[in-house]
Amino acid sequence: MLKFSAKVFIAFIPVSNIYAQSKFEPGYIVTSSQDTIRGTIEYHNWSQNPETIRFRDEKFQTEKTLGLHELSAFQVHGETYERAEVHRKIQGDNNVTENGLPELTRDTVFLLRLVDGPKSLHYLRDRSDNVQLYIGPEHELLVYHKYKIIKENQNRIATVDRYRQQIKAYLDCESVANRVPNLRYSNKEISRLFELYYDKCSTTKPKVITKREGLGFESGALAGVTFSKLSFKGYHFEYLTERQHTTSVRPTVGLFLNIVIPRTNKNLIVANELTYSSYQISDRYQTNVNPENFTITDFTFGLSHLRLNNLIRYRITRGNAFLYGNVGISNGFVVSENNRYVATTHFYTDVHVDEDKALATRKHDQGFVIGIGAGIRKLGFEARFENSNGNSDYFSVTSNVKRVALHVYYRF
């Protein structure tokens, strides 16, 4: 199984390198001399506000790196960043100090414009992962600070939440004032408060409201065919353990719900599938003591499963086409079985018939899954390998099921 997994990923790497090119998107820059130049910008879905960008001029197709010295603003992927000189906290909220006042430094950064209008809001996540928000044309820092205090001989955490008073005074509207006391220091919550302000308190609508990317969801259906190869090891059940069983070929159907991780260019996905699949083998096995004393065993062993597959998927998109690889686990739950054997023993002139289950089974099995896929727009195709521990309920007989599945996906 490990050799197969390695071969799949080795095959995936060179193809993925073809697709994983720099992602330049249409945008524009505003230079320090206030010239606006259109072109394409290499977009990285920045988790931290960038300090430099790669820009291709639309007219001359020249590519260069530009930063705070050359630019006053730029826009790409619906996000507008503008240069500003601001106060920012030196220490993040995870590094709690005993100082009751935040330590600030003056710095020049690119701020992300969250709300653009008469009442504006800007966002900064700096290189230390500190999130800070700013209001107004002067980019006033909304102050939130944690610090240590000793109370009743115990270390406690106290907070300075002046940002609430700042927002209340800045927006100055009764319709939003009742939301302020419970307002968290969160770009999502404060952005929603600004939206409420423009809806209830202002006749002027904002020019821009930039929503930070959250979790994305994809749902759809899948169908395909699964090739299952069963093997058994152990004692007594010779009709199972001593045979090379034929490959079972059965259809598979299911539904999926994918969670797209934010700030990854929609490359990283948690794929979740609920599928119905089955396998069945039938055979005849004969044991001989002598020509007058022998047993013929006819058996059928078939199980139908609901399988829950949870996978980590890395997807690369190029235009409308995409390519991906995924790895994860599969949990199967038996919903029905066709499980019986008939052993006919001939002892000279006597004939004895014994019927029972071919193998006692448990209702749950687990497997390891790996696969690669590709597609265009809403349609996808995947080839997948799964290795599971089967459903034998005996300690003396172990089971193994190797599956190769070919799936077609349709995203709703």
Protein backbone atom coordinates (compact mmCIF):
# COMPACT_ATOMS: atom_id res chain seq x y z
CA MET A 1 0.00 0.00 0.00
CA LEU A 2 2.82 2.40 0.89
CA LYS A 3 4.56 1.71 -2.41
CA PHE A 4 1.33 2.44 -4.24
CA SER A 5 0.84 5.68 -2.28
CA ALA A 6 4.35 6.81 -3.08
CA LYS A 7 3.88 6.10 -6.78
CA VAL A 8 0.64 8.10 -6.83
CA PHE A 9 2.22 11.17 -5.28
CA ILE A 10 5.39 10.91 -7.38
CA ALA A 11 3.15 10.91 -10.44
CA PHE A 12 1.17 13.85 -9.04
CA ILE A 13 4.16 16.12 -8.25
CA PRO A 14 5.43 16.89 -11.78
CA VAL A 15 1.92 17.44 -13.10
CA SER A 16 1.08 19.71 -10.18
CA ASN A 17 4.17 21.79 -10.86
CA ILE A 18 2.80 22.55 -14.32
CA TYR A 19 -0.38 23.93 -12.76
CA ALA A 20 1.15 25.57 -9.71
CA GLN A 21 2.33 28.65 -11.52
CA SER A 22 2.23 32.12 -10.01
CA LYS A 23 -1.33 33.36 -9.87
CA PHE A 24 -1.43 36.80 -11.50
CA GLU A 25 -4.84 38.48 -11.44
CA PRO A 26 -6.11 41.72 -12.98
CA GLY A 27 -5.56 44.77 -10.80
CA TYR A 28 -3.98 48.17 -10.63
CA ILE A 29 -1.41 50.11 -8.65
CA VAL A 30 -1.29 53.75 -7.57
CA THR A 31 2.28 54.98 -7.47
CA SER A 32 3.73 57.36 -4.89
CA SER A 33 3.32 60.12 -7.51
CA GLN A 34 -0.40 59.21 -7.75
CA ASP A 35 -0.21 57.62 -11.22
CA THR A 36 -2.64 54.74 -11.73
CA ILE A 37 -1.26 51.85 -13.79
CA ARG A 38 -3.29 48.80 -14.75
CA GLY A 39 -1.87 45.33 -15.11
CA THR A 40 -1.80 42.06 -13.22
CA ILE A 41 -0.71 41.41 -9.63
CA GLU A 42 0.51 38.15 -8.17
CA TYR A 43 -2.21 37.36 -5.64
CA HIS A 44 -1.35 35.19 -2.63
CA ASN A 45 -4.56 35.40 -0.59
CA TRP A 46 -2.41 37.04 2.06
CA SER A 47 -3.03 36.03 5.67
CA GLN A 48 -0.71 38.91 6.71
CA ASN A 49 -0.81 42.29 5.02
CA PRO A 50 1.86 42.27 2.32
CA GLU A 51 4.85 44.59 2.29
CA THR A 52 5.70 44.01 -1.38
CA ILE A 53 3.88 42.75 -4.48
CA ARG A 54 4.81 41.41 -7.92
CA PHE A 55 3.28 43.55 -10.69
CA ARG A 56 3.11 43.16 -14.49
CA ASP A 57 2.48 46.29 -16.48
CA GLU A 58 -0.51 45.90 -18.84
CA LYS A 59 1.13 47.95 -21.57
CA PHE A 60 4.78 46.87 -21.48
CA GLN A 61 4.36 43.43 -19.82
CA THR A 62 7.32 44.12 -17.58
CA GLU A 63 7.37 42.36 -14.22
CA LYS A 64 8.77 43.96 -11.08
CA THR A 65 8.57 43.92 -7.30
CA LEU A 66 7.06 47.01 -5.72
CA GLY A 67 6.68 47.98 -2.08
CA LEU A 68 5.92 50.75 0.36
CA HIS A 69 8.41 53.15 -1.17
CA GLU A 70 6.95 52.90 -4.70
CA LEU A 71 3.20 52.52 -4.04
CA SER A 72 0.49 54.46 -2.29
CA ALA A 73 -2.20 51.85 -3.04
CA PHE A 74 -3.04 48.76 -5.09
CA GLN A 75 -6.10 46.62 -5.80
CA VAL A 76 -6.38 42.93 -6.71
CA HIS A 77 -8.98 40.19 -6.21
CA GLY A 78 -11.48 42.78 -4.97
CA GLU A 79 -9.12 43.81 -2.15
CA THR A 80 -7.77 47.36 -1.89
CA TYR A 81 -4.63 48.09 0.11
CA GLU A 82 -3.46 51.61 0.85
CA ARG A 83 -0.23 52.86 2.37
CA ALA A 84 -0.59 54.51 5.74
CA GLU A 85 1.59 55.57 8.64
CA VAL A 86 -0.05 54.13 11.74
CA HIS A 87 0.48 53.20 15.36
CA ARG A 88 0.62 49.46 15.86
CA LYS A 89 1.07 47.28 18.91
CA ILE A 90 4.49 45.73 19.37
CA GLN A 91 3.27 42.70 21.31
CA GLY A 92 0.35 40.50 20.42
CA ASP A 93 -2.46 39.43 22.72
CA ASN A 94 -0.87 35.99 23.11
CA ASN A 95 2.16 37.59 24.81
CA VAL A 96 0.48 39.10 27.85
CA THR A 97 2.63 41.60 29.77
CA GLU A 98 2.20 43.34 33.13
CA ASN A 99 2.03 46.73 31.45
CA GLY A 100 -1.48 48.18 31.65
CA LEU A 101 -0.91 50.24 28.52
CA PRO A 102 -0.13 48.80 25.07
CA GLU A 103 3.35 49.39 23.72
CA LEU A 104 3.00 51.16 20.38
CA THR A 105 5.37 51.92 17.55
CA ARG A 106 4.97 54.10 14.49
CA ASP A 107 5.17 52.19 11.22
CA THR A 108 4.30 52.46 7.54
CA VAL A 109 2.18 49.57 6.27
CA PHE A 110 -0.34 48.57 3.63
CA LEU A 111 -3.79 48.60 5.27
CA LEU A 112 -6.62 46.53 3.84
CA ARG A 113 -9.68 48.67 3.25
CA LEU A 114 -12.67 46.90 4.84
CA VAL A 115 -15.20 49.75 4.62
CA ASP A 116 -14.71 52.78 2.37
CA GLY A 117 -17.06 55.69 2.86
CA PRO A 118 -17.69 58.66 5.14
CA LYS A 119 -17.09 56.24 8.00
CA SER A 120 -14.17 53.99 7.10
CA LEU A 121 -12.56 50.88 8.59
CA HIS A 122 -9.16 49.37 7.81
CA TYR A 123 -7.48 46.12 8.78
CA LEU A 124 -3.91 45.07 9.55
CA ARG A 125 -2.46 41.69 10.39
CA ASP A 126 1.23 42.39 10.80
CA ARG A 127 4.25 40.10 10.49
CA SER A 128 3.78 39.08 14.17
CA ASP A 129 0.18 38.01 13.44
CA ASN A 130 -1.25 40.86 15.52
CA VAL A 131 -4.70 41.92 14.23
CA GLN A 132 -5.35 45.65 14.51
CA LEU A 133 -8.20 47.79 13.21
CA TYR A 134 -8.24 51.47 12.28
CA ILE A 135 -11.04 54.00 11.77
CA GLY A 136 -11.31 57.28 9.94
CA PRO A 137 -9.11 59.09 7.43
CA GLU A 138 -6.42 59.54 10.11
CA HIS A 139 -6.33 55.78 10.69
CA GLU A 140 -6.97 55.93 14.43
CA LEU A 141 -6.02 52.64 16.10
CA LEU A 142 -8.88 50.85 17.85
CA VAL A 143 -7.30 49.97 21.18
CA TYR A 144 -7.65 46.53 22.71
CA HIS A 145 -5.06 45.30 25.18
CA LYS A 146 -4.63 42.43 27.65
CA TYR A 147 -2.34 42.56 30.64
CA LYS A 148 -1.59 40.64 33.85
CA ILE A 149 -2.73 41.68 37.29
CA ILE A 150 -2.43 40.03 40.70
CA LYS A 151 -5.74 39.69 42.48
CA GLU A 152 -6.26 37.68 45.67
CA ASN A 153 -2.71 36.32 45.27
CA GLN A 154 -3.51 34.92 41.83
CA ASN A 155 -2.50 35.99 38.35
CA ARG A 156 -5.47 37.31 36.41
CA ILE A 157 -5.96 38.79 32.95
CA ALA A 158 -7.38 42.28 32.66
CA THR A 159 -8.35 44.03 29.44
CA VAL A 160 -8.37 47.54 28.07
CA ASP A 161 -11.27 47.67 25.61
CA ARG A 162 -11.26 51.33 24.66
CA TYR A 163 -12.22 50.35 21.08
CA ARG A 164 -15.86 50.17 22.14
CA GLN A 165 -15.94 53.78 23.28
CA GLN A 166 -14.00 54.81 20.16
CA ILE A 167 -16.50 53.10 17.82
CA LYS A 168 -19.50 54.45 19.70
CA ALA A 169 -18.19 58.00 19.45
CA TYR A 170 -17.10 57.58 15.82
CA LEU A 171 -20.38 56.17 14.51
CA ASP A 172 -22.51 58.29 16.88
CA CYS A 173 -25.81 56.54 16.14
CA GLU A 174 -28.39 55.21 18.58
CA SER A 175 -29.33 52.35 16.23
CA VAL A 176 -25.90 50.77 16.65
CA ALA A 177 -25.04 52.00 20.15
CA ASN A 178 -26.84 49.07 21.84
CA ARG A 179 -24.59 46.62 19.95
CA VAL A 180 -21.35 48.18 21.21
CA PRO A 181 -21.18 46.84 24.82
CA ASN A 182 -20.97 43.22 23.61
CA LEU A 183 -18.86 43.92 20.54
CA ARG A 184 -15.77 41.73 20.23
CA TYR A 185 -12.48 42.92 18.74
CA SER A 186 -13.11 41.10 15.47
CA ASN A 187 -12.93 42.43 11.94
CA LYS A 188 -16.07 40.45 11.07
CA GLU A 189 -18.15 41.79 13.97
CA ILE A 190 -16.96 45.38 13.60
CA SER A 191 -17.48 45.27 9.82
CA ARG A 192 -21.06 44.08 10.39
CA LEU A 193 -21.59 46.98 12.80
CA PHE A 194 -20.42 49.41 10.09
CA GLU A 195 -22.82 47.78 7.63
CA LEU A 196 -25.64 48.27 10.14
CA TYR A 197 -24.61 51.91 10.54
CA TYR A 198 -24.85 52.54 6.79
CA ASP A 199 -28.18 50.73 6.67
CA LYS A 200 -29.82 52.49 9.64
CA CYS A 201 -27.97 55.74 10.22
CA SER A 202 -26.58 57.09 6.94
CA THR A 203 -28.13 58.29 3.71
CA THR A 204 -24.75 57.82 2.02
CA LYS A 205 -23.88 54.27 1.13
CA PRO A 206 -20.30 52.99 1.43
CA LYS A 207 -18.23 52.74 -1.72
CA VAL A 208 -16.67 49.43 -0.70
CA ILE A 209 -17.31 46.78 1.92
CA THR A 210 -14.60 44.12 1.73
CA LYS A 211 -15.57 40.86 3.38
CA ARG A 212 -12.76 38.72 4.66
CA GLU A 213 -12.90 35.21 3.28
CA GLY A 214 -14.51 32.59 5.54
CA LEU A 215 -15.09 28.87 5.23
CA GLY A 216 -16.44 27.83 1.85
CA PHE A 217 -18.66 24.87 1.11
CA GLU A 218 -19.13 22.68 -1.95
CA SER A 219 -21.77 19.98 -2.28
CA GLY A 220 -22.67 17.51 -4.97
CA ALA A 221 -23.12 13.90 -6.01
CA LEU A 222 -20.79 11.16 -7.17
CA ALA A 223 -21.14 7.88 -9.00
CA GLY A 224 -18.73 5.31 -10.30
CA VAL A 225 -17.49 1.76 -10.15
CA THR A 226 -15.43 0.02 -7.46
CA PHE A 227 -13.14 -2.97 -7.98
CA SER A 228 -12.78 -4.90 -4.70
CA LYS A 229 -10.18 -7.59 -4.04
CA LEU A 230 -10.73 -9.66 -0.88
CA SER A 231 -8.13 -11.77 0.91
CA PHE A 232 -8.20 -13.79 4.13
CA LYS A 233 -5.52 -15.25 6.38
CA GLY A 234 -5.92 -17.69 9.25
CA TYR A 235 -7.09 -21.14 10.22
CA HIS A 236 -10.06 -23.47 9.57
CA PHE A 237 -11.84 -21.41 6.90
CA GLU A 238 -9.89 -22.96 4.05
CA TYR A 239 -12.54 -22.12 1.47
CA LEU A 240 -11.70 -18.44 2.20
CA THR A 241 -8.02 -18.53 3.15
CA GLU A 242 -6.79 -21.01 0.54
CA ARG A 243 -8.34 -19.35 -2.50
CA GLN A 244 -7.40 -16.42 -4.73
CA HIS A 245 -10.77 -14.73 -5.00
CA THR A 246 -11.98 -13.00 -8.12
CA THR A 247 -12.29 -9.21 -8.15
CA SER A 248 -15.77 -7.95 -7.37
CA VAL A 249 -16.95 -5.12 -9.63
CA ARG A 250 -19.88 -3.10 -8.28
CA PRO A 251 -21.34 0.42 -8.69
CA THR A 252 -20.85 3.17 -6.12
CA VAL A 253 -23.07 6.22 -5.51
CA GLY A 254 -22.94 8.98 -2.94
CA LEU A 255 -23.06 12.61 -1.87
CA PHE A 256 -20.27 14.92 -0.78
CA LEU A 257 -19.86 18.09 1.25
CA ASN A 258 -16.47 19.77 0.98
CA ILE A 259 -15.17 22.44 3.35
CA VAL A 260 -12.89 24.95 1.61
CA ILE A 261 -10.28 26.31 4.02
CA PRO A 262 -10.09 30.13 3.85
CA ARG A 263 -6.97 32.08 2.84
CA THR A 264 -5.59 29.17 0.80
CA ASN A 265 -6.68 30.29 -2.70
CA LYS A 266 -9.27 27.50 -2.42
CA ASN A 267 -6.40 25.03 -2.68
CA LEU A 268 -6.89 23.26 0.66
CA ILE A 269 -10.11 21.34 1.16
CA VAL A 270 -11.54 18.93 3.71
CA ALA A 271 -13.56 16.51 1.57
CA ASN A 272 -16.38 14.56 3.22
CA GLU A 273 -18.31 11.84 1.40
CA LEU A 274 -21.16 9.49 2.24
CA THR A 275 -21.24 6.62 -0.27
CA TYR A 276 -23.03 3.35 -0.82
CA SER A 277 -20.87 0.51 -2.13
CA SER A 278 -20.78 -3.27 -2.01
CA TYR A 279 -18.80 -6.35 -2.99
CA GLN A 280 -19.58 -10.03 -3.40
CA ILE A 281 -17.59 -13.19 -4.08
CA SER A 282 -18.93 -16.69 -4.78
CA ASP A 283 -16.90 -19.86 -5.23
CA ARG A 284 -16.68 -23.63 -4.75
CA TYR A 285 -14.00 -25.34 -2.72
CA GLN A 286 -13.40 -29.08 -2.39
CA THR A 287 -11.38 -30.97 0.22
CA ASN A 288 -10.55 -34.62 -0.38
CA VAL A 289 -9.65 -37.34 2.09
CA ASN A 290 -10.02 -40.10 -0.51
CA PRO A 291 -12.23 -40.62 -3.55
CA GLU A 292 -15.06 -41.80 -1.29
CA ASN A 293 -14.65 -39.17 1.43
CA PHE A 294 -14.71 -35.51 0.36
CA THR A 295 -16.48 -32.20 1.06
CA ILE A 296 -17.72 -29.66 -1.46
CA THR A 297 -18.27 -26.14 -0.09
CA ASP A 298 -20.27 -23.59 -2.04
CA PHE A 299 -20.21 -20.14 -0.53
CA THR A 300 -21.26 -16.55 -1.17
CA PHE A 301 -19.83 -13.68 0.82
CA GLY A 302 -21.16 -10.23 0.05
CA LEU A 303 -21.52 -7.04 2.10
CA SER A 304 -23.09 -3.68 1.37
CA HIS A 305 -21.73 -0.61 3.14
CA LEU A 306 -22.46 2.99 3.86
CA ARG A 307 -18.99 4.52 3.88
CA LEU A 308 -17.99 7.84 5.42
CA ASN A 309 -14.81 9.16 3.79
CA ASN A 310 -12.90 12.10 5.28
CA LEU A 311 -9.97 13.38 3.24
CA ILE A 312 -7.52 16.24 3.09
CA ARG A 313 -7.39 17.49 -0.50
CA TYR A 314 -4.94 19.83 -2.21
CA ARG A 315 -6.43 21.31 -5.37
CA ILE A 316 -4.71 23.37 -8.05
CA THR A 317 -6.88 25.45 -10.37
CA ARG A 318 -5.94 26.76 -13.79
CA GLY A 319 -8.76 28.66 -15.46
CA ASN A 320 -11.81 26.39 -15.39
CA ALA A 321 -9.70 23.24 -15.02
CA PHE A 322 -8.41 21.76 -11.78
CA LEU A 323 -6.16 18.97 -10.58
CA TYR A 324 -5.99 17.50 -7.07
CA GLY A 325 -4.61 14.84 -4.80
CA ASN A 326 -6.13 13.68 -1.53
CA VAL A 327 -5.46 11.34 1.36
CA GLY A 328 -7.63 10.31 4.30
CA ILE A 329 -9.58 7.62 6.11
CA SER A 330 -12.71 5.65 5.39
CA ASN A 331 -15.18 4.18 7.87
CA GLY A 332 -17.60 1.55 6.58
CA PHE A 333 -20.84 0.42 8.20
CA VAL A 334 -22.54 -2.78 7.02
CA VAL A 335 -26.17 -2.25 6.01
CA SER A 336 -26.87 -5.65 4.44
CA GLU A 337 -25.12 -8.93 3.71
CA ASN A 338 -25.43 -12.00 1.54
CA ASN A 339 -23.37 -14.38 3.63
CA ARG A 340 -23.81 -18.15 3.50
CA TYR A 341 -22.10 -21.40 2.75
CA VAL A 342 -23.35 -24.93 2.03
CA ALA A 343 -20.92 -27.76 2.81
CA THR A 344 -21.90 -31.13 1.32
CA THR A 345 -19.87 -33.99 2.80
CA HIS A 346 -19.79 -37.36 0.98
CA PHE A 347 -18.66 -40.31 3.11
CA TYR A 348 -19.01 -43.36 0.93
CA THR A 349 -22.81 -43.67 0.52
CA ASP A 350 -23.70 -41.14 3.23
CA VAL A 351 -24.31 -37.49 2.36
CA HIS A 352 -24.42 -34.73 5.00
CA VAL A 353 -25.33 -31.09 4.26
CA ASP A 354 -24.31 -28.25 6.59
CA GLU A 355 -25.44 -24.62 6.13
CA ASP A 356 -24.23 -21.53 7.98
CA LYS A 357 -22.71 -18.10 7.48
CA ALA A 358 -19.59 -18.14 5.37
CA LEU A 359 -17.92 -15.88 7.95
CA ALA A 360 -19.09 -14.15 11.13
CA THR A 361 -18.84 -10.40 10.53
CA ARG A 362 -18.59 -7.18 12.48
CA LYS A 363 -20.49 -4.12 11.39
CA HIS A 364 -17.60 -1.65 11.08
CA ASP A 365 -14.32 -1.49 9.18
CA GLN A 366 -11.70 1.20 8.59
CA GLY A 367 -9.45 1.98 5.68
CA PHE A 368 -6.77 4.29 4.32
CA VAL A 369 -7.61 6.22 1.15
CA ILE A 370 -5.44 7.94 -1.43
CA GLY A 371 -6.38 9.30 -4.84
CA ILE A 372 -5.83 11.81 -7.60
CA GLY A 373 -8.39 13.61 -9.68
CA ALA A 374 -9.02 16.27 -12.29
CA GLY A 375 -11.94 18.11 -13.77
CA ILE A 376 -13.38 21.16 -15.40
CA ARG A 377 -16.00 23.53 -14.04
CA LYS A 378 -18.51 21.45 -12.04
CA LEU A 379 -17.48 18.05 -13.36
CA GLY A 380 -14.65 15.96 -11.89
CA PHE A 381 -13.09 12.54 -12.19
CA GLU A 382 -11.02 10.66 -9.61
CA ALA A 383 -9.05 7.41 -9.44
CA ARG A 384 -8.74 6.18 -5.88
CA PHE A 385 -7.11 3.36 -3.93
CA GLU A 386 -8.36 2.15 -0.54
CA ASN A 387 -6.97 -0.49 1.80
CA SER A 388 -9.29 -1.57 4.64
CA ASN A 389 -9.25 -4.18 7.38
CA GLY A 390 -12.44 -5.91 6.24
CA ASN A 391 -15.22 -7.27 8.44
CA SER A 392 -14.07 -10.61 9.84
CA ASP A 393 -15.22 -11.02 13.44
CA TYR A 394 -12.81 -13.88 14.19
CA PHE A 395 -9.39 -13.51 15.80
CA SER A 396 -8.24 -16.60 13.94
CA VAL A 397 -9.18 -15.18 10.51
CA THR A 398 -8.07 -11.74 9.37
CA SER A 399 -9.61 -10.06 6.36
CA ASN A 400 -8.37 -7.40 3.97
CA VAL A 401 -10.17 -5.49 1.23
CA LYS A 402 -8.28 -3.54 -1.39
CA ARG A 403 -10.42 -1.28 -3.55
CA VAL A 404 -9.73 0.69 -6.68
CA ALA A 405 -12.53 3.15 -7.41
CA LEU A 406 -13.24 5.32 -10.45
CA HIS A 407 -15.58 8.17 -9.56
CA VAL A 408 -17.31 10.92 -11.49
CA TYR A 409 -18.30 14.00 -9.44
CA TYR A 410 -20.84 16.71 -10.12
CA ARG A 411 -20.84 19.85 -7.98
CA PHE A 412 -24.23 21.43 -7.38
